[in-house]
Amino acid sequence: MKEQNLANIKSGATELDTMIEEDGMMVRVYQNSAVTTTPVTIKGQYSGQHVNGLYRSTLFWVKGPAGWQLVCDELTALATK
């Protein structure tokens, strides 16, 4: 997955014009791990697909000896009203 993401960025298949964090970030901490969810407005191209709209960004974090490290992320399209 990481290799594919890097290849998409290098080739231009993933290129975001704008990514704006909207109000409403939520943080949940579970001992040495945490999950953040944030609504974001994205415009650009992601893996060769045109994107323009509201998404939920979910980030998964683990706290280790060096501090908090991002271990996984996900974007989910949200329905427009």
Protein backbone atom coordinates (compact mmCIF):
# COMPACT_ATOMS: atom_id res chain seq x y z
CA MET A 1 0.00 0.00 0.00
CA LYS A 2 2.76 2.46 0.93
CA GLU A 3 4.62 1.70 -2.30
CA GLN A 4 1.44 2.30 -4.34
CA ASN A 5 0.77 5.62 -2.58
CA LEU A 6 4.33 6.81 -3.26
CA ALA A 7 4.11 5.70 -6.90
CA ASN A 8 0.81 7.61 -7.31
CA ILE A 9 2.37 10.78 -5.93
CA LYS A 10 5.50 10.49 -8.11
CA SER A 11 3.47 9.81 -11.27
CA GLY A 12 0.97 12.61 -10.60
CA ALA A 13 -1.96 10.16 -10.19
CA THR A 14 -2.44 11.65 -6.72
CA GLU A 15 -2.28 15.42 -6.61
CA LEU A 16 -4.42 17.43 -4.22
CA ASP A 17 -5.13 21.06 -5.09
CA THR A 18 -6.68 21.78 -1.70
CA MET A 19 -7.35 19.88 1.52
CA ILE A 20 -9.13 21.95 4.16
CA GLU A 21 -9.75 20.62 7.68
CA GLU A 22 -13.28 21.56 8.72
CA ASP A 23 -14.53 22.04 12.29
CA GLY A 24 -15.39 18.90 14.21
CA MET A 25 -12.19 16.95 14.90
CA MET A 26 -12.72 14.12 17.39
CA VAL A 27 -9.89 12.40 19.28
CA ARG A 28 -10.24 9.09 21.11
CA VAL A 29 -7.31 7.78 23.16
CA TYR A 30 -7.04 4.11 24.18
CA GLN A 31 -3.94 3.58 26.39
CA ASN A 32 -1.03 3.73 23.87
CA SER A 33 -3.17 4.21 20.75
CA ALA A 34 -5.48 6.91 19.44
CA VAL A 35 -7.93 7.55 16.62
CA THR A 36 -8.71 10.99 15.19
CA THR A 37 -11.58 11.76 12.83
CA THR A 38 -11.83 15.06 11.01
CA PRO A 39 -14.15 16.27 8.24
CA VAL A 40 -12.05 17.57 5.31
CA THR A 41 -12.92 19.21 2.01
CA ILE A 42 -10.72 17.89 -0.79
CA LYS A 43 -10.24 18.99 -4.38
CA GLY A 44 -7.83 17.34 -6.80
CA GLN A 45 -6.96 13.87 -8.03
CA TYR A 46 -6.50 10.74 -5.91
CA SER A 47 -5.15 7.51 -7.47
CA GLY A 48 -6.17 8.80 -10.89
CA GLN A 49 -9.74 9.63 -9.83
CA HIS A 50 -11.10 13.19 -9.70
CA VAL A 51 -12.11 14.12 -6.13
CA ASN A 52 -14.06 17.18 -5.04
CA GLY A 53 -16.13 17.19 -1.87
CA LEU A 54 -16.45 16.43 1.80
CA TYR A 55 -14.63 13.42 3.29
CA ARG A 56 -13.94 11.99 6.73
CA SER A 57 -10.24 11.63 7.49
CA THR A 58 -9.53 8.87 10.01
CA LEU A 59 -6.00 8.61 11.42
CA PHE A 60 -4.73 5.76 13.62
CA TRP A 61 -1.84 6.53 15.98
CA VAL A 62 0.37 4.41 18.28
CA LYS A 63 2.55 5.82 21.07
CA GLY A 64 5.97 4.22 21.22
CA PRO A 65 9.37 5.09 22.70
CA ALA A 66 9.83 7.95 20.21
CA GLY A 67 6.33 9.39 20.73
CA TRP A 68 3.15 9.26 18.65
CA GLN A 69 3.44 7.67 15.19
CA LEU A 70 0.82 7.59 12.44
CA VAL A 71 0.30 3.95 11.46
CA CYS A 72 -2.74 4.07 9.18
CA ASP A 73 -5.06 6.57 7.54
CA GLU A 74 -8.33 6.41 5.61
CA LEU A 75 -10.54 8.82 3.68
CA THR A 76 -14.27 8.14 3.40
CA ALA A 77 -16.53 10.15 1.10
CA LEU A 78 -19.46 11.75 2.93
CA ALA A 79 -22.86 12.15 1.31
CA THR A 80 -23.70 15.68 0.26
CA LYS A 81 -26.91 17.25 1.52
